[in-house]
Amino acid sequence: MTIDCSQLADMLFDFVSGDLPADRRELLEAHLEACLPCVTHVRTYQVTITLSRKLPCPALPPEVEQRLRAAVARECGG
């Protein structure tokens, strides 16, 4: 069994997060051995995650925090 580029894209999040089952991971890695565009896609995805984790996380303005808390309270029943 093999996977194509579309299937790789569907499994990418689980692959990068380490949650892909071993059998699917092996199929994905076999595909990467033969598909340079997918290797580039995976590396770009990994770099994006790494860089986005380094971005500063500014505090929410108090009025936004209040609206968000009120919305969560409504959704969770109080």
N, C-alpha and C. Protein backbone atom coordinates (compact mmCIF):
# COMPACT_ATOMS: atom_id res chain seq x y z
N MET A 1 0.84 -1.18 0.00
CA MET A 1 0.00 0.00 0.00
C MET A 1 0.88 1.25 0.00
N THR A 2 0.46 2.26 -0.70
CA THR A 2 1.18 3.53 -0.75
C THR A 2 0.19 4.66 -0.51
N ILE A 3 0.73 5.84 -0.27
CA ILE A 3 -0.11 7.02 -0.13
C ILE A 3 0.30 8.03 -1.18
N ASP A 4 -0.61 8.94 -1.50
CA ASP A 4 -0.29 10.00 -2.45
C ASP A 4 -0.13 11.32 -1.69
N CYS A 5 0.17 12.37 -2.42
CA CYS A 5 0.44 13.68 -1.82
C CYS A 5 -0.77 14.21 -1.03
N SER A 6 -1.95 13.99 -1.55
CA SER A 6 -3.17 14.44 -0.88
C SER A 6 -3.35 13.73 0.46
N GLN A 7 -3.10 12.44 0.48
CA GLN A 7 -3.22 11.69 1.72
C GLN A 7 -2.17 12.12 2.74
N LEU A 8 -0.96 12.43 2.25
CA LEU A 8 0.08 12.93 3.13
C LEU A 8 -0.38 14.23 3.79
N ALA A 9 -0.96 15.12 3.01
CA ALA A 9 -1.43 16.39 3.56
C ALA A 9 -2.48 16.16 4.64
N ASP A 10 -3.33 15.16 4.46
CA ASP A 10 -4.37 14.86 5.45
C ASP A 10 -3.78 14.32 6.75
N MET A 11 -2.60 13.69 6.67
CA MET A 11 -1.98 13.09 7.85
C MET A 11 -0.90 13.98 8.47
N LEU A 12 -0.65 15.12 7.87
CA LEU A 12 0.49 15.95 8.26
C LEU A 12 0.46 16.38 9.71
N PHE A 13 -0.67 16.85 10.20
CA PHE A 13 -0.74 17.32 11.59
C PHE A 13 -0.37 16.20 12.55
N ASP A 14 -0.97 15.02 12.37
CA ASP A 14 -0.67 13.89 13.25
C ASP A 14 0.78 13.44 13.12
N PHE A 15 1.33 13.52 11.92
CA PHE A 15 2.72 13.15 11.70
C PHE A 15 3.66 14.08 12.48
N VAL A 16 3.47 15.36 12.32
CA VAL A 16 4.35 16.34 12.96
C VAL A 16 4.19 16.31 14.48
N SER A 17 2.98 16.05 14.96
CA SER A 17 2.75 16.04 16.41
C SER A 17 3.14 14.70 17.05
N GLY A 18 3.49 13.72 16.23
CA GLY A 18 3.90 12.42 16.75
C GLY A 18 2.73 11.50 17.09
N ASP A 19 1.55 11.84 16.63
CA ASP A 19 0.35 11.06 16.94
C ASP A 19 -0.07 10.10 15.83
N LEU A 20 0.71 10.01 14.78
CA LEU A 20 0.35 9.14 13.67
C LEU A 20 0.72 7.69 14.02
N PRO A 21 -0.21 6.76 13.87
CA PRO A 21 0.11 5.35 14.16
C PRO A 21 1.30 4.88 13.33
N ALA A 22 2.05 3.93 13.87
CA ALA A 22 3.29 3.47 13.25
C ALA A 22 3.12 3.03 11.81
N ASP A 23 2.04 2.30 11.52
CA ASP A 23 1.87 1.80 10.15
C ASP A 23 1.64 2.95 9.16
N ARG A 24 0.88 3.96 9.58
CA ARG A 24 0.64 5.13 8.71
C ARG A 24 1.91 5.97 8.59
N ARG A 25 2.66 6.06 9.69
CA ARG A 25 3.91 6.82 9.67
C ARG A 25 4.89 6.20 8.66
N GLU A 26 4.96 4.88 8.65
CA GLU A 26 5.85 4.20 7.71
C GLU A 26 5.45 4.50 6.27
N LEU A 27 4.14 4.50 5.99
CA LEU A 27 3.67 4.83 4.64
C LEU A 27 4.03 6.26 4.27
N LEU A 28 3.84 7.17 5.22
CA LEU A 28 4.15 8.57 4.98
C LEU A 28 5.64 8.75 4.73
N GLU A 29 6.47 8.12 5.55
CA GLU A 29 7.92 8.24 5.39
C GLU A 29 8.39 7.64 4.07
N ALA A 30 7.76 6.55 3.64
CA ALA A 30 8.09 5.95 2.34
C ALA A 30 7.74 6.92 1.22
N HIS A 31 6.62 7.59 1.34
CA HIS A 31 6.24 8.58 0.34
C HIS A 31 7.26 9.72 0.30
N LEU A 32 7.71 10.16 1.47
CA LEU A 32 8.68 11.26 1.53
C LEU A 32 10.01 10.89 0.87
N GLU A 33 10.37 9.61 0.90
CA GLU A 33 11.61 9.18 0.26
C GLU A 33 11.57 9.38 -1.25
N ALA A 34 10.37 9.41 -1.81
CA ALA A 34 10.24 9.49 -3.26
C ALA A 34 9.63 10.81 -3.76
N CYS A 35 9.27 11.72 -2.85
CA CYS A 35 8.54 12.91 -3.28
C CYS A 35 9.14 14.18 -2.68
N LEU A 36 10.01 14.81 -3.42
CA LEU A 36 10.66 16.03 -2.96
C LEU A 36 9.67 17.16 -2.66
N PRO A 37 8.62 17.37 -3.46
CA PRO A 37 7.66 18.42 -3.10
C PRO A 37 7.02 18.19 -1.73
N CYS A 38 6.74 16.95 -1.38
CA CYS A 38 6.16 16.68 -0.06
C CYS A 38 7.18 16.88 1.05
N VAL A 39 8.43 16.56 0.80
CA VAL A 39 9.49 16.83 1.78
C VAL A 39 9.53 18.32 2.06
N THR A 40 9.49 19.11 1.02
CA THR A 40 9.49 20.57 1.17
C THR A 40 8.26 21.02 1.94
N HIS A 41 7.11 20.46 1.64
CA HIS A 41 5.87 20.82 2.33
C HIS A 41 5.97 20.51 3.83
N VAL A 42 6.46 19.33 4.17
CA VAL A 42 6.59 18.93 5.58
C VAL A 42 7.58 19.84 6.30
N ARG A 43 8.71 20.11 5.67
CA ARG A 43 9.71 20.98 6.31
C ARG A 43 9.16 22.39 6.52
N THR A 44 8.46 22.90 5.53
CA THR A 44 7.87 24.24 5.64
C THR A 44 6.85 24.26 6.78
N TYR A 45 6.05 23.23 6.89
CA TYR A 45 5.06 23.11 7.95
C TYR A 45 5.76 23.12 9.32
N GLN A 46 6.84 22.34 9.44
CA GLN A 46 7.57 22.27 10.70
C GLN A 46 8.21 23.61 11.06
N VAL A 47 8.77 24.30 10.08
CA VAL A 47 9.38 25.61 10.33
C VAL A 47 8.31 26.61 10.74
N THR A 48 7.16 26.56 10.10
CA THR A 48 6.06 27.46 10.46
C THR A 48 5.65 27.27 11.91
N ILE A 49 5.54 26.03 12.35
CA ILE A 49 5.19 25.75 13.74
C ILE A 49 6.26 26.29 14.67
N THR A 50 7.51 26.03 14.37
CA THR A 50 8.62 26.49 15.20
C THR A 50 8.63 28.01 15.32
N LEU A 51 8.49 28.68 14.19
CA LEU A 51 8.53 30.15 14.21
C LEU A 51 7.31 30.74 14.91
N SER A 52 6.15 30.16 14.70
CA SER A 52 4.95 30.71 15.33
C SER A 52 4.99 30.55 16.84
N ARG A 53 5.67 29.53 17.34
CA ARG A 53 5.81 29.36 18.79
C ARG A 53 6.72 30.42 19.41
N LYS A 54 7.52 31.05 18.60
CA LYS A 54 8.45 32.08 19.08
C LYS A 54 7.83 33.48 19.07
N LEU A 55 6.65 33.61 18.49
CA LEU A 55 6.00 34.91 18.43
C LEU A 55 5.55 35.35 19.82
N PRO A 56 5.63 36.65 20.09
CA PRO A 56 5.14 37.11 21.39
C PRO A 56 3.63 36.94 21.49
N CYS A 57 3.17 36.76 22.69
CA CYS A 57 1.74 36.59 22.92
C CYS A 57 1.26 37.76 23.77
N PRO A 58 0.80 38.81 23.11
CA PRO A 58 0.36 39.98 23.87
C PRO A 58 -0.90 39.68 24.67
N ALA A 59 -1.06 40.41 25.77
CA ALA A 59 -2.25 40.24 26.60
C ALA A 59 -3.48 40.74 25.85
N LEU A 60 -4.60 40.10 26.12
CA LEU A 60 -5.86 40.57 25.54
C LEU A 60 -6.27 41.89 26.19
N PRO A 61 -6.81 42.79 25.41
CA PRO A 61 -7.37 43.98 26.02
C PRO A 61 -8.49 43.56 26.99
N PRO A 62 -8.63 44.26 28.13
CA PRO A 62 -9.62 43.85 29.13
C PRO A 62 -11.04 43.68 28.58
N GLU A 63 -11.47 44.56 27.66
CA GLU A 63 -12.83 44.44 27.13
C GLU A 63 -13.00 43.19 26.27
N VAL A 64 -11.95 42.78 25.58
CA VAL A 64 -12.01 41.55 24.78
C VAL A 64 -12.06 40.34 25.71
N GLU A 65 -11.25 40.37 26.76
CA GLU A 65 -11.26 39.27 27.72
C GLU A 65 -12.65 39.12 28.36
N GLN A 66 -13.27 40.23 28.73
CA GLN A 66 -14.60 40.18 29.34
C GLN A 66 -15.63 39.59 28.38
N ARG A 67 -15.59 40.01 27.11
CA ARG A 67 -16.53 39.48 26.12
C ARG A 67 -16.31 37.99 25.89
N LEU A 68 -15.04 37.60 25.85
CA LEU A 68 -14.70 36.19 25.65
C LEU A 68 -15.18 35.35 26.82
N ARG A 69 -14.93 35.81 28.03
CA ARG A 69 -15.38 35.07 29.21
C ARG A 69 -16.90 34.96 29.25
N ALA A 70 -17.60 36.03 28.89
CA ALA A 70 -19.05 36.01 28.86
C ALA A 70 -19.56 35.01 27.82
N ALA A 71 -18.92 34.96 26.66
CA ALA A 71 -19.33 34.03 25.61
C ALA A 71 -19.10 32.59 26.06
N VAL A 72 -17.97 32.32 26.69
CA VAL A 72 -17.69 30.97 27.18
C VAL A 72 -18.70 30.59 28.26
N ALA A 73 -19.00 31.52 29.16
CA ALA A 73 -19.98 31.25 30.20
C ALA A 73 -21.34 30.91 29.61
N ARG A 74 -21.75 31.65 28.57
CA ARG A 74 -23.03 31.37 27.91
C ARG A 74 -23.02 29.97 27.30
N GLU A 75 -21.94 29.62 26.64
CA GLU A 75 -21.85 28.32 25.97
C GLU A 75 -21.78 27.17 26.95
N CYS A 76 -21.19 27.43 28.11
CA CYS A 76 -21.01 26.35 29.10
C CYS A 76 -22.10 26.34 30.14
N GLY A 77 -23.09 27.18 29.96
CA GLY A 77 -24.22 27.17 30.87
C GLY A 77 -24.01 27.94 32.16
N GLY A 78 -23.20 28.97 32.11
CA GLY A 78 -23.10 29.83 33.27
C GLY A 78 -21.74 29.90 33.80
